[in-house]
Amino acid sequence: MIADVETINIANRIDAQGYLFDNEKKNSLSPNDESNSIQPPDTTNDSNEKHKEPSCWKKFLPPMNSSEIILLGVALFVFVAVTIVVSAVYFTWRKTGSTTSSTSVVSSGAYVFNQCTEKYQPLTTLLFITNQDIFDYRQYSFIYQASVISAKINILFGFQHQSDFWGLDDVVVTDMYTNDGVALNSDGSFELNNLTKSYTQCNLNSGTVLAQILGDFPHLGDCYYSDGSPDGMIYLIQTFPIVGGRNYNVSFWLQNNGAQPNLAVAFISSQAIY
């Protein structure tokens, strides 16, 4: 029974809306005194009040009329336009600067059509690399199909280097029809140590000639071809007989011993005997 009485006393202190009041205070209030009566909070407009609260940006920005909004939009547009123009000018300047730094290298097109290559036209480009960082020997390999009426192949290498030397070694051209692995070209490893026996050289623009056979950094064997001509280009050329219409595998090893600017090209062509 004691527990039931306590439950009743607590229930008497809770009104119909679920609010806890002091019984003595409730008794001291006049039944008609609405101003002093304790009313439960009105929650009917809570959702509306929440929707009326300003958003985050409105809390920090003063009210703006239509003219001020237009002015702000124009200012924002001008800022974006200026940023784009400045960025374009900057990247154009950087690109121009990079091109200017390598103007000493023979321009594109000039390395294909010139007094050194005119008798071997039309040329097929096997390799064209420029402004390379230092790298050790790499093998390059290509498949070339000679014309049906051709009886010889011309292979040309051209080099230019402003800071150091290119190294060329183990040039091999084989007939893929016979597939016997026999090199058709002569002295591709430069072990004869004599360029005049198997090759010819052509100095483009009469530049400084720094192209020769050396023995300090060969790929295999004792010798390799080194070219570090700083101005103009030196072409290394060899011509040898083939059977027309067949496919030929052309491979060689190339290393770069210095930083840019530099240029290395390789061409091939086939000609009939006339």
C-alpha atoms as a PDB file:
ATOM      1  CA  MET A   1       0.000   0.000   0.000  1.00  0.00           C
ATOM      2  CA  ILE A   2       2.874   2.436   0.698  1.00  0.00           C
ATOM      3  CA  ALA A   3       4.106   2.078  -2.901  1.00  0.00           C
ATOM      4  CA  ASP A   4       0.598   2.799  -4.233  1.00  0.00           C
ATOM      5  CA  VAL A   5       0.275   6.011  -2.200  1.00  0.00           C
ATOM      6  CA  GLU A   6       3.626   7.258  -3.448  1.00  0.00           C
ATOM      7  CA  THR A   7       2.567   6.529  -7.033  1.00  0.00           C
ATOM      8  CA  ILE A   8      -0.632   8.517  -6.535  1.00  0.00           C
ATOM      9  CA  ASN A   9       1.279  11.484  -5.077  1.00  0.00           C
ATOM     10  CA  ILE A  10       3.610  11.604  -8.058  1.00  0.00           C
ATOM     11  CA  ALA A  11       0.713  11.321 -10.484  1.00  0.00           C
ATOM     12  CA  ASN A  12      -0.962  14.314  -8.791  1.00  0.00           C
ATOM     13  CA  ARG A  13       2.113  16.389  -9.585  1.00  0.00           C
ATOM     14  CA  ILE A  14       1.893  15.770 -13.331  1.00  0.00           C
ATOM     15  CA  ASP A  15      -0.661  17.718 -15.352  1.00  0.00           C
ATOM     16  CA  ALA A  16      -2.491  16.542 -18.427  1.00  0.00           C
ATOM     17  CA  GLN A  17       0.320  17.775 -20.788  1.00  0.00           C
ATOM     18  CA  GLY A  18       2.963  15.792 -18.933  1.00  0.00           C
ATOM     19  CA  TYR A  19       4.569  18.696 -16.998  1.00  0.00           C
ATOM     20  CA  LEU A  20       5.609  18.381 -13.350  1.00  0.00           C
ATOM     21  CA  PHE A  21       4.381  21.102 -11.034  1.00  0.00           C
ATOM     22  CA  ASP A  22       4.649  21.836  -7.350  1.00  0.00           C
ATOM     23  CA  ASN A  23       1.246  21.105  -5.802  1.00  0.00           C
ATOM     24  CA  GLU A  24       1.515  23.924  -3.301  1.00  0.00           C
ATOM     25  CA  LYS A  25       2.339  26.455  -6.031  1.00  0.00           C
ATOM     26  CA  LYS A  26      -0.580  25.252  -8.127  1.00  0.00           C
ATOM     27  CA  ASN A  27      -2.884  25.626  -5.157  1.00  0.00           C
ATOM     28  CA  SER A  28      -1.687  29.168  -4.496  1.00  0.00           C
ATOM     29  CA  LEU A  29      -2.705  30.303  -7.966  1.00  0.00           C
ATOM     30  CA  SER A  30      -6.123  31.710  -8.562  1.00  0.00           C
ATOM     31  CA  PRO A  31      -8.212  29.576 -10.870  1.00  0.00           C
ATOM     32  CA  ASN A  32      -8.883  32.625 -13.047  1.00  0.00           C
ATOM     33  CA  ASP A  33      -5.384  34.121 -12.928  1.00  0.00           C
ATOM     34  CA  GLU A  34      -4.219  33.205 -16.424  1.00  0.00           C
ATOM     35  CA  SER A  35      -1.288  35.583 -16.310  1.00  0.00           C
ATOM     36  CA  ASN A  36       0.246  33.751 -13.377  1.00  0.00           C
ATOM     37  CA  SER A  37      -0.616  30.286 -14.539  1.00  0.00           C
ATOM     38  CA  ILE A  38       2.113  28.124 -15.941  1.00  0.00           C
ATOM     39  CA  GLN A  39       1.278  27.131 -19.493  1.00  0.00           C
ATOM     40  CA  PRO A  40       3.003  24.414 -21.457  1.00  0.00           C
ATOM     41  CA  PRO A  41       5.121  25.729 -24.316  1.00  0.00           C
ATOM     42  CA  ASP A  42       3.401  26.175 -27.620  1.00  0.00           C
ATOM     43  CA  THR A  43       5.018  23.878 -30.131  1.00  0.00           C
ATOM     44  CA  THR A  44       2.594  24.443 -32.973  1.00  0.00           C
ATOM     45  CA  ASN A  45       4.879  26.919 -34.779  1.00  0.00           C
ATOM     46  CA  ASP A  46       8.218  25.188 -34.152  1.00  0.00           C
ATOM     47  CA  SER A  47       8.523  23.892 -37.691  1.00  0.00           C
ATOM     48  CA  ASN A  48       7.602  27.292 -39.159  1.00  0.00           C
ATOM     49  CA  GLU A  49      10.149  29.085 -36.979  1.00  0.00           C
ATOM     50  CA  LYS A  50      12.876  26.733 -38.128  1.00  0.00           C
ATOM     51  CA  HIS A  51      12.114  27.492 -41.755  1.00  0.00           C
ATOM     52  CA  LYS A  52      12.267  31.215 -41.012  1.00  0.00           C
ATOM     53  CA  GLU A  53      15.820  31.040 -39.661  1.00  0.00           C
ATOM     54  CA  PRO A  54      18.380  32.607 -42.040  1.00  0.00           C
ATOM     55  CA  SER A  55      20.820  30.341 -43.880  1.00  0.00           C
ATOM     56  CA  CYS A  56      24.531  30.410 -43.013  1.00  0.00           C
ATOM     57  CA  TRP A  57      25.576  32.915 -45.649  1.00  0.00           C
ATOM     58  CA  LYS A  58      22.696  35.231 -44.838  1.00  0.00           C
ATOM     59  CA  LYS A  59      23.853  35.409 -41.245  1.00  0.00           C
ATOM     60  CA  PHE A  60      27.139  36.984 -42.371  1.00  0.00           C
ATOM     61  CA  LEU A  61      26.070  39.028 -45.396  1.00  0.00           C
ATOM     62  CA  PRO A  62      23.861  42.073 -45.191  1.00  0.00           C
ATOM     63  CA  PRO A  63      20.692  42.196 -47.277  1.00  0.00           C
ATOM     64  CA  MET A  64      21.372  43.104 -50.935  1.00  0.00           C
ATOM     65  CA  ASN A  65      19.132  44.709 -53.484  1.00  0.00           C
ATOM     66  CA  SER A  66      19.033  43.721 -57.167  1.00  0.00           C
ATOM     67  CA  SER A  67      21.554  46.346 -58.322  1.00  0.00           C
ATOM     68  CA  GLU A  68      24.090  45.243 -55.739  1.00  0.00           C
ATOM     69  CA  ILE A  69      23.648  41.590 -56.792  1.00  0.00           C
ATOM     70  CA  ILE A  70      24.256  42.541 -60.447  1.00  0.00           C
ATOM     71  CA  LEU A  71      27.361  44.529 -59.506  1.00  0.00           C
ATOM     72  CA  LEU A  72      28.708  41.571 -57.509  1.00  0.00           C
ATOM     73  CA  GLY A  73      28.106  39.231 -60.445  1.00  0.00           C
ATOM     74  CA  VAL A  74      29.963  41.544 -62.844  1.00  0.00           C
ATOM     75  CA  ALA A  75      32.918  41.778 -60.447  1.00  0.00           C
ATOM     76  CA  LEU A  76      33.042  37.992 -60.135  1.00  0.00           C
ATOM     77  CA  PHE A  77      32.974  37.590 -63.933  1.00  0.00           C
ATOM     78  CA  VAL A  78      35.835  40.082 -64.376  1.00  0.00           C
ATOM     79  CA  PHE A  79      37.898  38.265 -61.733  1.00  0.00           C
ATOM     80  CA  VAL A  80      37.435  34.876 -63.428  1.00  0.00           C
ATOM     81  CA  ALA A  81      38.248  36.338 -66.870  1.00  0.00           C
ATOM     82  CA  VAL A  82      41.447  37.980 -65.617  1.00  0.00           C
ATOM     83  CA  THR A  83      42.519  34.729 -63.921  1.00  0.00           C
ATOM     84  CA  ILE A  84      42.043  32.747 -67.148  1.00  0.00           C
ATOM     85  CA  VAL A  85      43.974  35.297 -69.233  1.00  0.00           C
ATOM     86  CA  VAL A  86      46.881  35.440 -66.773  1.00  0.00           C
ATOM     87  CA  SER A  87      47.073  31.624 -66.649  1.00  0.00           C
ATOM     88  CA  ALA A  88      47.072  31.367 -70.451  1.00  0.00           C
ATOM     89  CA  VAL A  89      49.852  33.953 -70.773  1.00  0.00           C
ATOM     90  CA  TYR A  90      51.930  32.196 -68.115  1.00  0.00           C
ATOM     91  CA  PHE A  91      51.714  28.727 -69.679  1.00  0.00           C
ATOM     92  CA  THR A  92      52.350  30.167 -73.163  1.00  0.00           C
ATOM     93  CA  TRP A  93      55.460  31.872 -71.833  1.00  0.00           C
ATOM     94  CA  ARG A  94      56.673  28.621 -70.257  1.00  0.00           C
ATOM     95  CA  LYS A  95      56.105  26.681 -73.463  1.00  0.00           C
ATOM     96  CA  THR A  96      57.921  29.335 -75.523  1.00  0.00           C
ATOM     97  CA  GLY A  97      60.798  29.299 -73.072  1.00  0.00           C
ATOM     98  CA  SER A  98      61.167  25.532 -73.369  1.00  0.00           C
ATOM     99  CA  THR A  99      61.214  25.737 -77.160  1.00  0.00           C
ATOM    100  CA  THR A 100      63.733  28.550 -77.173  1.00  0.00           C
ATOM    101  CA  SER A 101      66.160  26.585 -75.014  1.00  0.00           C
ATOM    102  CA  SER A 102      66.592  23.997 -77.778  1.00  0.00           C
ATOM    103  CA  THR A 103      66.804  26.250 -80.844  1.00  0.00           C
ATOM    104  CA  SER A 104      70.328  24.974 -81.521  1.00  0.00           C
ATOM    105  CA  VAL A 105      68.861  21.577 -82.446  1.00  0.00           C
ATOM    106  CA  VAL A 106      68.066  21.144 -86.134  1.00  0.00           C
ATOM    107  CA  SER A 107      64.453  22.154 -86.769  1.00  0.00           C
ATOM    108  CA  SER A 108      61.841  19.546 -87.637  1.00  0.00           C
ATOM    109  CA  GLY A 109      61.767  18.782 -91.341  1.00  0.00           C
ATOM    110  CA  ALA A 110      65.359  19.897 -91.876  1.00  0.00           C
ATOM    111  CA  TYR A 111      66.650  16.578 -90.564  1.00  0.00           C
ATOM    112  CA  VAL A 112      64.615  14.693 -93.221  1.00  0.00           C
ATOM    113  CA  PHE A 113      65.114  16.827 -96.343  1.00  0.00           C
ATOM    114  CA  ASN A 114      68.617  18.190 -96.769  1.00  0.00           C
ATOM    115  CA  GLN A 115      71.751  17.792 -98.853  1.00  0.00           C
ATOM    116  CA  CYS A 116      72.795  14.713 -96.878  1.00  0.00           C
ATOM    117  CA  THR A 117      69.542  12.813 -97.379  1.00  0.00           C
ATOM    118  CA  GLU A 118      68.343  13.943-100.810  1.00  0.00           C
ATOM    119  CA  LYS A 119      69.868  11.023-102.742  1.00  0.00           C
ATOM    120  CA  TYR A 120      68.195   8.473-100.445  1.00  0.00           C
ATOM    121  CA  GLN A 121      64.631   9.776-100.680  1.00  0.00           C
ATOM    122  CA  PRO A 122      61.909   8.815 -99.983  1.00  0.00           C
ATOM    123  CA  LEU A 123      62.888   8.032 -96.405  1.00  0.00           C
ATOM    124  CA  THR A 124      60.959   6.081 -93.801  1.00  0.00           C
ATOM    125  CA  THR A 125      61.518   7.408 -90.277  1.00  0.00           C
ATOM    126  CA  LEU A 126      62.446   4.661 -87.840  1.00  0.00           C
ATOM    127  CA  LEU A 127      63.395   6.863 -84.901  1.00  0.00           C
ATOM    128  CA  PHE A 128      63.117  10.496 -83.927  1.00  0.00           C
ATOM    129  CA  ILE A 129      63.908  11.469 -80.329  1.00  0.00           C
ATOM    130  CA  THR A 130      64.910  14.884 -79.051  1.00  0.00           C
ATOM    131  CA  ASN A 131      65.736  16.628 -75.772  1.00  0.00           C
ATOM    132  CA  GLN A 132      66.308  13.401 -73.888  1.00  0.00           C
ATOM    133  CA  ASP A 133      67.802  13.028 -70.434  1.00  0.00           C
ATOM    134  CA  ILE A 134      70.693  10.638 -69.861  1.00  0.00           C
ATOM    135  CA  PHE A 135      69.899   6.950 -70.421  1.00  0.00           C
ATOM    136  CA  ASP A 136      71.968   3.779 -70.808  1.00  0.00           C
ATOM    137  CA  TYR A 137      71.905   1.554 -73.884  1.00  0.00           C
ATOM    138  CA  ARG A 138      68.408   0.788 -75.152  1.00  0.00           C
ATOM    139  CA  GLN A 139      67.518  -1.522 -77.991  1.00  0.00           C
ATOM    140  CA  TYR A 140      65.275  -0.247 -80.779  1.00  0.00           C
ATOM    141  CA  SER A 141      63.752  -2.696 -83.250  1.00  0.00           C
ATOM    142  CA  PHE A 142      61.622  -2.127 -86.365  1.00  0.00           C
ATOM    143  CA  ILE A 143      60.072  -4.133 -89.207  1.00  0.00           C
ATOM    144  CA  TYR A 144      60.585  -2.662 -92.662  1.00  0.00           C
ATOM    145  CA  GLN A 145      59.060  -3.915 -95.904  1.00  0.00           C
ATOM    146  CA  ALA A 146      61.152  -3.164 -98.963  1.00  0.00           C
ATOM    147  CA  SER A 147      59.485  -2.314-102.250  1.00  0.00           C
ATOM    148  CA  VAL A 148      59.155  -5.118-104.800  1.00  0.00           C
ATOM    149  CA  ILE A 149      61.515  -3.493-107.284  1.00  0.00           C
ATOM    150  CA  SER A 150      64.164  -2.594-104.720  1.00  0.00           C
ATOM    151  CA  ALA A 151      67.594  -4.201-104.742  1.00  0.00           C
ATOM    152  CA  LYS A 152      69.309  -2.330-101.933  1.00  0.00           C
ATOM    153  CA  ILE A 153      68.585  -0.749 -98.581  1.00  0.00           C
ATOM    154  CA  ASN A 154      69.940   2.544 -97.271  1.00  0.00           C
ATOM    155  CA  ILE A 155      70.082   3.015 -93.529  1.00  0.00           C
ATOM    156  CA  LEU A 156      70.910   6.457 -92.087  1.00  0.00           C
ATOM    157  CA  PHE A 157      71.586   7.663 -88.546  1.00  0.00           C
ATOM    158  CA  GLY A 158      71.762  11.346 -87.683  1.00  0.00           C
ATOM    159  CA  PHE A 159      72.934  12.856 -84.397  1.00  0.00           C
ATOM    160  CA  GLN A 160      73.397  16.183 -82.687  1.00  0.00           C
ATOM    161  CA  HIS A 161      74.306  16.833 -79.048  1.00  0.00           C
ATOM    162  CA  GLN A 162      74.972  20.059 -77.178  1.00  0.00           C
ATOM    163  CA  SER A 163      76.374  18.702 -73.911  1.00  0.00           C
ATOM    164  CA  ASP A 164      77.833  15.221 -74.496  1.00  0.00           C
ATOM    165  CA  PHE A 165      77.647  12.218 -76.855  1.00  0.00           C
ATOM    166  CA  TRP A 166      75.296   9.653 -78.314  1.00  0.00           C
ATOM    167  CA  GLY A 167      76.489   6.053 -78.461  1.00  0.00           C
ATOM    168  CA  LEU A 168      75.400   3.694 -81.255  1.00  0.00           C
ATOM    169  CA  ASP A 169      76.278  -0.006 -81.314  1.00  0.00           C
ATOM    170  CA  ASP A 170      75.258  -3.443 -82.637  1.00  0.00           C
ATOM    171  CA  VAL A 171      73.282  -2.374 -85.694  1.00  0.00           C
ATOM    172  CA  VAL A 172      71.756  -5.501 -87.265  1.00  0.00           C
ATOM    173  CA  VAL A 173      69.478  -5.862 -90.306  1.00  0.00           C
ATOM    174  CA  THR A 174      68.165  -9.376 -90.991  1.00  0.00           C
ATOM    175  CA  ASP A 175      65.907 -10.937 -93.620  1.00  0.00           C
ATOM    176  CA  MET A 176      62.693 -12.150 -91.960  1.00  0.00           C
ATOM    177  CA  TYR A 177      61.927 -14.423 -94.918  1.00  0.00           C
ATOM    178  CA  THR A 178      65.055 -16.570 -94.509  1.00  0.00           C
ATOM    179  CA  ASN A 179      64.944 -16.086 -90.728  1.00  0.00           C
ATOM    180  CA  ASP A 180      68.561 -17.202 -90.424  1.00  0.00           C
ATOM    181  CA  GLY A 181      69.644 -14.281 -88.212  1.00  0.00           C
ATOM    182  CA  VAL A 182      72.507 -13.369 -90.543  1.00  0.00           C
ATOM    183  CA  ALA A 183      73.217  -9.642 -90.625  1.00  0.00           C
ATOM    184  CA  LEU A 184      72.916  -8.143 -94.120  1.00  0.00           C
ATOM    185  CA  ASN A 185      74.661  -4.929 -93.136  1.00  0.00           C
ATOM    186  CA  SER A 186      78.413  -4.688 -92.557  1.00  0.00           C
ATOM    187  CA  ASP A 187      80.292  -3.991 -89.317  1.00  0.00           C
ATOM    188  CA  GLY A 188      77.233  -3.095 -87.264  1.00  0.00           C
ATOM    189  CA  SER A 189      79.311  -3.467 -84.092  1.00  0.00           C
ATOM    190  CA  PHE A 190      82.086  -1.149 -85.392  1.00  0.00           C
ATOM    191  CA  GLU A 191      84.745  -3.661 -84.421  1.00  0.00           C
ATOM    192  CA  LEU A 192      86.708  -2.968 -87.621  1.00  0.00           C
ATOM    193  CA  ASN A 193      87.420   0.466 -86.150  1.00  0.00           C
ATOM    194  CA  ASN A 194      87.295   2.000 -89.604  1.00  0.00           C
ATOM    195  CA  LEU A 195      84.275   4.002 -90.738  1.00  0.00           C
ATOM    196  CA  THR A 196      85.443   4.358 -94.332  1.00  0.00           C
ATOM    197  CA  LYS A 197      85.250   0.601 -95.032  1.00  0.00           C
ATOM    198  CA  SER A 198      81.539   0.117 -94.385  1.00  0.00           C
ATOM    199  CA  TYR A 199      80.031   3.567 -93.892  1.00  0.00           C
ATOM    200  CA  THR A 200      79.967   7.066 -95.280  1.00  0.00           C
ATOM    201  CA  GLN A 201      79.483  10.250 -93.262  1.00  0.00           C
ATOM    202  CA  CYS A 202      77.795  13.469 -94.263  1.00  0.00           C
ATOM    203  CA  ASN A 203      78.196  16.697 -92.318  1.00  0.00           C
ATOM    204  CA  LEU A 204      75.056  18.807 -92.476  1.00  0.00           C
ATOM    205  CA  ASN A 205      75.646  22.589 -92.424  1.00  0.00           C
ATOM    206  CA  SER A 206      79.408  22.044 -92.117  1.00  0.00           C
ATOM    207  CA  GLY A 207      79.185  21.850 -88.341  1.00  0.00           C
ATOM    208  CA  THR A 208      81.871  20.697 -85.954  1.00  0.00           C
ATOM    209  CA  VAL A 209      82.627  17.008 -86.519  1.00  0.00           C
ATOM    210  CA  LEU A 210      82.787  15.047 -83.265  1.00  0.00           C
ATOM    211  CA  ALA A 211      81.745  11.655 -84.634  1.00  0.00           C
ATOM    212  CA  GLN A 212      84.104   8.700 -84.459  1.00  0.00           C
ATOM    213  CA  ILE A 213      84.623   5.126 -83.282  1.00  0.00           C
ATOM    214  CA  LEU A 214      85.571   4.858 -79.614  1.00  0.00           C
ATOM    215  CA  GLY A 215      86.185   2.059 -77.131  1.00  0.00           C
ATOM    216  CA  ASP A 216      85.281   3.560 -73.736  1.00  0.00           C
ATOM    217  CA  PHE A 217      81.521   2.774 -73.564  1.00  0.00           C
ATOM    218  CA  PRO A 218      80.590  -0.008 -76.009  1.00  0.00           C
ATOM    219  CA  HIS A 219      77.432  -2.033 -75.664  1.00  0.00           C
ATOM    220  CA  LEU A 220      79.232  -5.270 -76.587  1.00  0.00           C
ATOM    221  CA  GLY A 221      82.711  -5.951 -77.862  1.00  0.00           C
ATOM    222  CA  ASP A 222      85.408  -3.293 -77.881  1.00  0.00           C
ATOM    223  CA  CYS A 223      84.078  -0.482 -80.069  1.00  0.00           C
ATOM    224  CA  TYR A 224      81.022   1.684 -80.712  1.00  0.00           C
ATOM    225  CA  TYR A 225      80.093   4.759 -82.715  1.00  0.00           C
ATOM    226  CA  SER A 226      80.134   8.036 -80.768  1.00  0.00           C
ATOM    227  CA  ASP A 227      78.622  11.308 -81.988  1.00  0.00           C
ATOM    228  CA  GLY A 228      78.574  14.576 -80.063  1.00  0.00           C
ATOM    229  CA  SER A 229      78.483  17.175 -82.822  1.00  0.00           C
ATOM    230  CA  PRO A 230      77.105  20.383 -81.242  1.00  0.00           C
ATOM    231  CA  ASP A 231      76.138  22.255 -84.417  1.00  0.00           C
ATOM    232  CA  GLY A 232      74.706  20.813 -87.575  1.00  0.00           C
ATOM    233  CA  MET A 233      74.193  17.067 -87.807  1.00  0.00           C
ATOM    234  CA  ILE A 234      76.475  14.223 -88.751  1.00  0.00           C
ATOM    235  CA  TYR A 235      74.822  11.416 -90.719  1.00  0.00           C
ATOM    236  CA  LEU A 236      76.205   7.885 -90.643  1.00  0.00           C
ATOM    237  CA  ILE A 237      75.078   6.025 -93.779  1.00  0.00           C
ATOM    238  CA  GLN A 238      75.363   2.477 -95.112  1.00  0.00           C
ATOM    239  CA  THR A 239      73.932   0.841 -98.238  1.00  0.00           C
ATOM    240  CA  PHE A 240      73.746  -2.948 -98.811  1.00  0.00           C
ATOM    241  CA  PRO A 241      71.909  -5.367-101.142  1.00  0.00           C
ATOM    242  CA  ILE A 242      68.590  -7.029-100.316  1.00  0.00           C
ATOM    243  CA  VAL A 243      65.796  -8.958-102.031  1.00  0.00           C
ATOM    244  CA  GLY A 244      62.864  -6.740-102.965  1.00  0.00           C
ATOM    245  CA  GLY A 245      59.420  -7.217-101.432  1.00  0.00           C
ATOM    246  CA  ARG A 246      60.601  -8.904 -98.225  1.00  0.00           C
ATOM    247  CA  ASN A 247      60.295  -7.806 -94.623  1.00  0.00           C
ATOM    248  CA  TYR A 248      63.449  -6.886 -92.765  1.00  0.00           C
ATOM    249  CA  ASN A 249      64.118  -6.539 -89.062  1.00  0.00           C
ATOM    250  CA  VAL A 250      66.223  -3.506 -88.193  1.00  0.00           C
ATOM    251  CA  SER A 251      67.625  -3.287 -84.671  1.00  0.00           C
ATOM    252  CA  PHE A 252      70.288  -1.238 -82.903  1.00  0.00           C
ATOM    253  CA  TRP A 253      71.373  -0.111 -79.436  1.00  0.00           C
ATOM    254  CA  LEU A 254      71.504   3.557 -78.471  1.00  0.00           C
ATOM    255  CA  GLN A 255      72.653   5.399 -75.361  1.00  0.00           C
ATOM    256  CA  ASN A 256      72.562   9.068 -74.355  1.00  0.00           C
ATOM    257  CA  ASN A 257      75.490  10.290 -72.266  1.00  0.00           C
ATOM    258  CA  GLY A 258      74.380  13.871 -71.662  1.00  0.00           C
ATOM    259  CA  ALA A 259      71.514  16.234 -70.900  1.00  0.00           C
ATOM    260  CA  GLN A 260      69.405  18.105 -73.437  1.00  0.00           C
ATOM    261  CA  PRO A 261      69.266  19.696 -75.953  1.00  0.00           C
ATOM    262  CA  ASN A 262      69.969  16.795 -78.278  1.00  0.00           C
ATOM    263  CA  LEU A 263      68.562  14.972 -81.285  1.00  0.00           C
ATOM    264  CA  ALA A 264      68.832  11.460 -82.708  1.00  0.00           C
ATOM    265  CA  VAL A 265      67.150  10.161 -85.877  1.00  0.00           C
ATOM    266  CA  ALA A 266      67.215   6.944 -87.895  1.00  0.00           C
ATOM    267  CA  PHE A 267      65.903   6.453 -91.430  1.00  0.00           C
ATOM    268  CA  ILE A 268      65.641   3.645 -93.945  1.00  0.00           C
ATOM    269  CA  SER A 269      64.850   3.512 -97.637  1.00  0.00           C
ATOM    270  CA  SER A 270      64.961   0.959-100.423  1.00  0.00           C
ATOM    271  CA  GLN A 271      66.047   1.649-103.992  1.00  0.00           C
ATOM    272  CA  ALA A 272      66.276  -0.177-107.289  1.00  0.00           C
ATOM    273  CA  ILE A 273      69.627  -0.433-109.058  1.00  0.00           C
ATOM    274  CA  TYR A 274      69.731   1.992-111.973  1.00  0.00           C
END
